[in-house]
Amino acid sequence: VQLVESGGEAVQAGGTLTLSCAVYGTALSGLSVGWFRQAPGLEREFVVRSPWRSAITDYADSVKGRFTISRDNAKNTVTLQMKSLKAEDTAIYYCAGRWKDYGPYDFWGRGTQVTVSS
């Protein structure tokens, strides 16, 4: 299984950006997925998760109301739409997948850089 992120770039504060995560080697419909991010000098942090058994998503408080995760099972792609971006959203964003809806993630992408300038 491989996860490949794309869409990261430099944007101005207040702008919008959409990240994509293409899933290879398995059907997205059977995979629980999530997005994480890591800012320079900080630990990787949770952004959002989307269980495969449920339509209920779970967002970090810092992004709630601004970020939206969506799944396109036909295209085997997960997207993360990010609005009202802030400088503190600057980070490398990682897509992750797991077979269960809990526990550690089994697969990770290499990440895509998002830089928000104020």
N, C-alpha and C. Protein backbone atom coordinates (compact mmCIF):
# COMPACT_ATOMS: atom_id res chain seq x y z
N VAL A 1 0.85 -1.18 0.00
CA VAL A 1 0.00 0.00 0.00
C VAL A 1 0.89 1.24 0.00
N GLN A 2 0.54 2.19 -0.86
CA GLN A 2 1.28 3.45 -0.92
C GLN A 2 0.31 4.62 -0.87
N LEU A 3 0.72 5.66 -0.15
CA LEU A 3 -0.05 6.89 -0.09
C LEU A 3 0.83 8.00 -0.63
N VAL A 4 0.31 8.78 -1.56
CA VAL A 4 1.09 9.84 -2.18
C VAL A 4 0.33 11.16 -2.08
N GLU A 5 0.91 12.09 -1.33
CA GLU A 5 0.30 13.39 -1.17
C GLU A 5 0.73 14.34 -2.28
N SER A 6 -0.12 15.31 -2.55
CA SER A 6 0.21 16.37 -3.50
C SER A 6 -0.62 17.60 -3.18
N GLY A 7 -0.25 18.72 -3.77
CA GLY A 7 -1.04 19.93 -3.63
C GLY A 7 -0.46 20.97 -2.71
N GLY A 8 0.59 20.64 -1.99
CA GLY A 8 1.18 21.62 -1.09
C GLY A 8 1.90 22.72 -1.87
N GLU A 9 1.78 23.94 -1.38
CA GLU A 9 2.46 25.08 -1.99
C GLU A 9 2.46 26.26 -1.03
N ALA A 10 3.04 27.34 -1.49
CA ALA A 10 3.08 28.56 -0.68
C ALA A 10 1.85 29.41 -0.99
N VAL A 11 1.15 29.83 0.05
CA VAL A 11 -0.05 30.66 -0.10
C VAL A 11 -0.03 31.79 0.92
N GLN A 12 -0.87 32.77 0.68
CA GLN A 12 -0.98 33.89 1.61
C GLN A 12 -1.99 33.55 2.70
N ALA A 13 -1.82 34.16 3.84
CA ALA A 13 -2.78 33.98 4.94
C ALA A 13 -4.18 34.38 4.47
N GLY A 14 -5.15 33.58 4.90
CA GLY A 14 -6.52 33.82 4.46
C GLY A 14 -6.90 33.07 3.21
N GLY A 15 -5.92 32.47 2.58
CA GLY A 15 -6.16 31.77 1.32
C GLY A 15 -6.69 30.36 1.53
N THR A 16 -6.91 29.69 0.40
CA THR A 16 -7.45 28.33 0.39
C THR A 16 -6.51 27.41 -0.38
N LEU A 17 -6.41 26.18 0.09
CA LEU A 17 -5.55 25.19 -0.55
C LEU A 17 -6.19 23.82 -0.38
N THR A 18 -6.08 22.99 -1.40
CA THR A 18 -6.59 21.64 -1.31
C THR A 18 -5.46 20.63 -1.51
N LEU A 19 -5.29 19.76 -0.55
CA LEU A 19 -4.30 18.69 -0.64
C LEU A 19 -4.99 17.40 -1.09
N SER A 20 -4.26 16.58 -1.79
CA SER A 20 -4.78 15.27 -2.22
C SER A 20 -3.88 14.16 -1.73
N CYS A 21 -4.48 13.02 -1.50
CA CYS A 21 -3.74 11.82 -1.09
C CYS A 21 -4.25 10.68 -1.96
N ALA A 22 -3.41 10.22 -2.87
CA ALA A 22 -3.78 9.10 -3.74
C ALA A 22 -3.37 7.80 -3.07
N VAL A 23 -4.28 6.84 -3.05
CA VAL A 23 -4.05 5.55 -2.41
C VAL A 23 -3.81 4.49 -3.47
N TYR A 24 -2.71 3.78 -3.35
CA TYR A 24 -2.36 2.72 -4.28
C TYR A 24 -2.21 1.39 -3.55
N GLY A 25 -2.68 0.32 -4.18
CA GLY A 25 -2.46 -1.01 -3.63
C GLY A 25 -3.60 -1.56 -2.80
N THR A 26 -4.60 -0.75 -2.55
CA THR A 26 -5.78 -1.23 -1.82
C THR A 26 -6.93 -0.28 -2.10
N ALA A 27 -8.12 -0.72 -1.78
CA ALA A 27 -9.29 0.12 -1.99
C ALA A 27 -9.45 1.08 -0.82
N LEU A 28 -9.62 2.36 -1.16
CA LEU A 28 -9.81 3.37 -0.12
C LEU A 28 -11.04 3.06 0.73
N SER A 29 -12.04 2.43 0.14
CA SER A 29 -13.27 2.15 0.86
C SER A 29 -13.06 1.27 2.08
N GLY A 30 -11.96 0.53 2.12
CA GLY A 30 -11.69 -0.33 3.27
C GLY A 30 -10.61 0.19 4.19
N LEU A 31 -10.27 1.45 4.03
CA LEU A 31 -9.15 2.03 4.77
C LEU A 31 -9.61 3.22 5.60
N SER A 32 -9.20 3.24 6.84
CA SER A 32 -9.41 4.41 7.67
C SER A 32 -8.25 5.36 7.40
N VAL A 33 -8.52 6.63 7.15
CA VAL A 33 -7.45 7.56 6.77
C VAL A 33 -7.43 8.78 7.68
N GLY A 34 -6.30 9.44 7.66
CA GLY A 34 -6.16 10.65 8.46
C GLY A 34 -5.11 11.55 7.86
N TRP A 35 -5.13 12.79 8.29
CA TRP A 35 -4.10 13.76 7.94
C TRP A 35 -3.40 14.21 9.22
N PHE A 36 -2.10 14.35 9.12
CA PHE A 36 -1.28 14.85 10.20
C PHE A 36 -0.39 15.95 9.63
N ARG A 37 0.23 16.73 10.51
CA ARG A 37 1.17 17.74 10.05
C ARG A 37 2.30 17.91 11.05
N GLN A 38 3.41 18.39 10.52
CA GLN A 38 4.57 18.63 11.36
C GLN A 38 5.20 19.94 10.97
N ALA A 39 5.22 20.86 11.91
CA ALA A 39 5.84 22.16 11.71
C ALA A 39 7.31 22.07 12.13
N PRO A 40 8.14 22.95 11.62
CA PRO A 40 9.58 22.92 11.96
C PRO A 40 9.80 22.98 13.47
N GLY A 41 10.59 22.05 13.98
CA GLY A 41 10.93 22.05 15.39
C GLY A 41 9.87 21.48 16.31
N LEU A 42 8.75 21.06 15.73
CA LEU A 42 7.67 20.53 16.55
C LEU A 42 7.37 19.07 16.21
N GLU A 43 6.65 18.41 17.08
CA GLU A 43 6.27 17.02 16.81
C GLU A 43 5.10 16.98 15.83
N ARG A 44 4.97 15.86 15.18
CA ARG A 44 3.86 15.66 14.26
C ARG A 44 2.55 15.67 15.06
N GLU A 45 1.55 16.36 14.52
CA GLU A 45 0.28 16.46 15.23
C GLU A 45 -0.88 16.02 14.35
N PHE A 46 -1.91 15.57 15.01
CA PHE A 46 -3.13 15.12 14.37
C PHE A 46 -3.89 16.30 13.78
N VAL A 47 -4.46 16.11 12.59
CA VAL A 47 -5.28 17.15 11.96
C VAL A 47 -6.73 16.68 11.84
N VAL A 48 -6.92 15.51 11.22
CA VAL A 48 -8.28 15.01 11.01
C VAL A 48 -8.19 13.51 10.72
N ARG A 49 -9.27 12.80 11.08
CA ARG A 49 -9.34 11.39 10.73
C ARG A 49 -10.71 11.06 10.15
N SER A 50 -10.73 10.06 9.28
CA SER A 50 -11.95 9.64 8.62
C SER A 50 -12.01 8.12 8.66
N PRO A 51 -12.76 7.55 9.60
CA PRO A 51 -12.86 6.10 9.71
C PRO A 51 -13.58 5.50 8.50
N TRP A 52 -13.25 4.28 8.12
CA TRP A 52 -13.90 3.70 6.95
C TRP A 52 -15.26 3.13 7.29
N ARG A 53 -15.49 2.83 8.58
CA ARG A 53 -16.76 2.27 9.00
C ARG A 53 -17.83 3.33 9.26
N SER A 54 -17.41 4.58 9.30
CA SER A 54 -18.33 5.62 9.70
C SER A 54 -18.12 6.87 8.89
N ALA A 55 -19.17 7.65 8.72
CA ALA A 55 -19.05 8.93 8.03
C ALA A 55 -18.65 10.04 8.99
N ILE A 56 -18.52 9.69 10.27
CA ILE A 56 -18.18 10.70 11.27
C ILE A 56 -16.70 10.99 11.20
N THR A 57 -16.36 12.25 11.03
CA THR A 57 -14.96 12.66 11.01
C THR A 57 -14.62 13.37 12.32
N ASP A 58 -13.35 13.47 12.58
CA ASP A 58 -12.88 14.05 13.83
C ASP A 58 -11.75 15.02 13.51
N TYR A 59 -11.92 16.28 13.86
CA TYR A 59 -10.94 17.32 13.55
C TYR A 59 -10.24 17.84 14.80
N ALA A 60 -9.00 18.23 14.64
CA ALA A 60 -8.31 18.93 15.71
C ALA A 60 -8.98 20.29 15.91
N ASP A 61 -9.02 20.75 17.14
CA ASP A 61 -9.67 22.03 17.43
C ASP A 61 -9.06 23.18 16.62
N SER A 62 -7.77 23.09 16.35
CA SER A 62 -7.08 24.18 15.65
C SER A 62 -7.53 24.34 14.20
N VAL A 63 -8.16 23.31 13.63
CA VAL A 63 -8.56 23.39 12.23
C VAL A 63 -10.06 23.26 12.04
N LYS A 64 -10.78 22.99 13.11
CA LYS A 64 -12.22 22.77 13.03
C LYS A 64 -12.91 24.01 12.43
N GLY A 65 -13.77 23.76 11.46
CA GLY A 65 -14.47 24.85 10.80
C GLY A 65 -13.71 25.45 9.63
N ARG A 66 -12.43 25.12 9.49
CA ARG A 66 -11.64 25.65 8.39
C ARG A 66 -11.20 24.56 7.41
N PHE A 67 -10.96 23.35 7.93
CA PHE A 67 -10.50 22.24 7.10
C PHE A 67 -11.63 21.23 6.91
N THR A 68 -11.65 20.61 5.74
CA THR A 68 -12.66 19.59 5.44
C THR A 68 -12.01 18.41 4.73
N ILE A 69 -12.21 17.23 5.28
CA ILE A 69 -11.70 16.02 4.64
C ILE A 69 -12.81 15.39 3.80
N SER A 70 -12.44 14.83 2.66
CA SER A 70 -13.44 14.12 1.86
C SER A 70 -12.77 12.92 1.20
N ARG A 71 -13.58 11.92 0.92
CA ARG A 71 -13.09 10.68 0.33
C ARG A 71 -13.79 10.46 -1.01
N ASP A 72 -13.02 10.12 -2.03
CA ASP A 72 -13.59 9.75 -3.32
C ASP A 72 -13.16 8.30 -3.57
N ASN A 73 -14.03 7.38 -3.20
CA ASN A 73 -13.66 5.96 -3.32
C ASN A 73 -13.49 5.54 -4.78
N ALA A 74 -14.20 6.18 -5.68
CA ALA A 74 -14.07 5.84 -7.10
C ALA A 74 -12.68 6.20 -7.63
N LYS A 75 -12.14 7.29 -7.13
CA LYS A 75 -10.81 7.73 -7.56
C LYS A 75 -9.72 7.28 -6.60
N ASN A 76 -10.13 6.61 -5.52
CA ASN A 76 -9.16 6.17 -4.50
C ASN A 76 -8.32 7.33 -3.98
N THR A 77 -8.98 8.44 -3.72
CA THR A 77 -8.29 9.66 -3.32
C THR A 77 -8.98 10.32 -2.14
N VAL A 78 -8.17 10.82 -1.23
CA VAL A 78 -8.64 11.59 -0.10
C VAL A 78 -8.18 13.03 -0.29
N THR A 79 -9.06 13.97 -0.05
CA THR A 79 -8.65 15.37 -0.17
C THR A 79 -8.83 16.08 1.17
N LEU A 80 -8.04 17.11 1.35
CA LEU A 80 -8.14 17.96 2.53
C LEU A 80 -8.25 19.39 2.03
N GLN A 81 -9.45 19.96 2.14
CA GLN A 81 -9.64 21.35 1.75
C GLN A 81 -9.36 22.23 2.95
N MET A 82 -8.50 23.22 2.76
CA MET A 82 -8.09 24.09 3.85
C MET A 82 -8.45 25.52 3.49
N LYS A 83 -9.25 26.16 4.34
CA LYS A 83 -9.68 27.53 4.12
C LYS A 83 -9.16 28.42 5.23
N SER A 84 -9.21 29.71 5.00
CA SER A 84 -8.79 30.70 6.01
C SER A 84 -7.45 30.32 6.62
N LEU A 85 -6.52 30.03 5.77
CA LEU A 85 -5.22 29.55 6.25
C LEU A 85 -4.50 30.61 7.07
N LYS A 86 -3.78 30.12 8.07
CA LYS A 86 -3.03 30.98 8.97
C LYS A 86 -1.55 30.60 8.88
N ALA A 87 -0.71 31.51 9.33
CA ALA A 87 0.73 31.24 9.32
C ALA A 87 1.05 29.98 10.12
N GLU A 88 0.30 29.77 11.19
CA GLU A 88 0.56 28.59 12.03
C GLU A 88 0.12 27.28 11.40
N ASP A 89 -0.49 27.33 10.23
CA ASP A 89 -0.81 26.11 9.49
C ASP A 89 0.39 25.64 8.67
N THR A 90 1.44 26.44 8.64
CA THR A 90 2.64 26.07 7.90
C THR A 90 3.22 24.78 8.47
N ALA A 91 3.39 23.78 7.61
CA ALA A 91 3.88 22.48 8.06
C ALA A 91 4.01 21.55 6.86
N ILE A 92 4.61 20.41 7.11
CA ILE A 92 4.53 19.30 6.15
C ILE A 92 3.30 18.49 6.52
N TYR A 93 2.45 18.26 5.54
CA TYR A 93 1.21 17.53 5.78
C TYR A 93 1.35 16.09 5.28
N TYR A 94 0.98 15.17 6.14
CA TYR A 94 1.10 13.75 5.84
C TYR A 94 -0.27 13.09 5.81
N CYS A 95 -0.44 12.19 4.86
CA CYS A 95 -1.62 11.35 4.79
C CYS A 95 -1.26 9.99 5.40
N ALA A 96 -2.19 9.41 6.14
CA ALA A 96 -1.93 8.12 6.79
C ALA A 96 -3.15 7.21 6.64
N GLY A 97 -2.89 5.91 6.66
CA GLY A 97 -3.98 4.95 6.54
C GLY A 97 -3.80 3.77 7.49
N ARG A 98 -4.92 3.18 7.88
CA ARG A 98 -4.87 2.00 8.75
C ARG A 98 -6.07 1.12 8.45
N TRP A 99 -5.91 -0.17 8.76
CA TRP A 99 -6.99 -1.12 8.48
C TRP A 99 -8.13 -1.00 9.48
N LYS A 100 -7.77 -0.62 10.73
CA LYS A 100 -8.78 -0.50 11.76
C LYS A 100 -9.12 0.97 11.98
N ASP A 101 -10.21 1.23 12.68
CA ASP A 101 -10.60 2.60 12.99
C ASP A 101 -9.95 3.11 14.27
N TYR A 102 -8.98 2.39 14.79
CA TYR A 102 -8.30 2.80 16.02
C TYR A 102 -6.89 2.24 15.99
N GLY A 103 -6.06 2.69 16.90
CA GLY A 103 -4.70 2.18 16.96
C GLY A 103 -3.77 2.92 16.03
N PRO A 104 -2.52 2.46 15.96
CA PRO A 104 -1.52 3.14 15.13
C PRO A 104 -1.84 3.03 13.64
N TYR A 105 -1.37 4.00 12.89
CA TYR A 105 -1.55 3.97 11.44
C TYR A 105 -0.53 3.02 10.83
N ASP A 106 -0.97 2.30 9.82
CA ASP A 106 -0.12 1.29 9.18
C ASP A 106 0.69 1.85 8.02
N PHE A 107 0.17 2.89 7.38
CA PHE A 107 0.82 3.42 6.18
C PHE A 107 0.90 4.94 6.26
N TRP A 108 2.00 5.46 5.73
CA TRP A 108 2.23 6.91 5.73
C TRP A 108 2.75 7.35 4.38
N GLY A 109 2.32 8.53 3.95
CA GLY A 109 2.90 9.14 2.77
C GLY A 109 4.16 9.89 3.13
N ARG A 110 4.80 10.46 2.15
CA ARG A 110 6.06 11.19 2.38
C ARG A 110 5.83 12.64 2.75
N GLY A 111 4.62 13.11 2.56
CA GLY A 111 4.31 14.47 2.96
C GLY A 111 4.34 15.48 1.83
N THR A 112 3.66 16.59 2.04
CA THR A 112 3.66 17.70 1.10
C THR A 112 3.74 19.00 1.90
N GLN A 113 4.57 19.92 1.45
CA GLN A 113 4.85 21.14 2.20
C GLN A 113 3.80 22.21 1.95
N VAL A 114 3.26 22.75 3.03
CA VAL A 114 2.35 23.90 2.96
C VAL A 114 3.00 25.05 3.70
N THR A 115 3.13 26.18 3.03
CA THR A 115 3.72 27.36 3.63
C THR A 115 2.74 28.51 3.52
N VAL A 116 2.36 29.07 4.66
CA VAL A 116 1.40 30.18 4.68
C VAL A 116 2.14 31.43 5.15
N SER A 117 2.13 32.44 4.31
CA SER A 117 2.82 33.68 4.65
C SER A 117 1.80 34.72 5.10
N SER A 118 2.19 35.48 6.12
CA SER A 118 1.26 36.48 6.67
C SER A 118 1.55 37.85 6.10
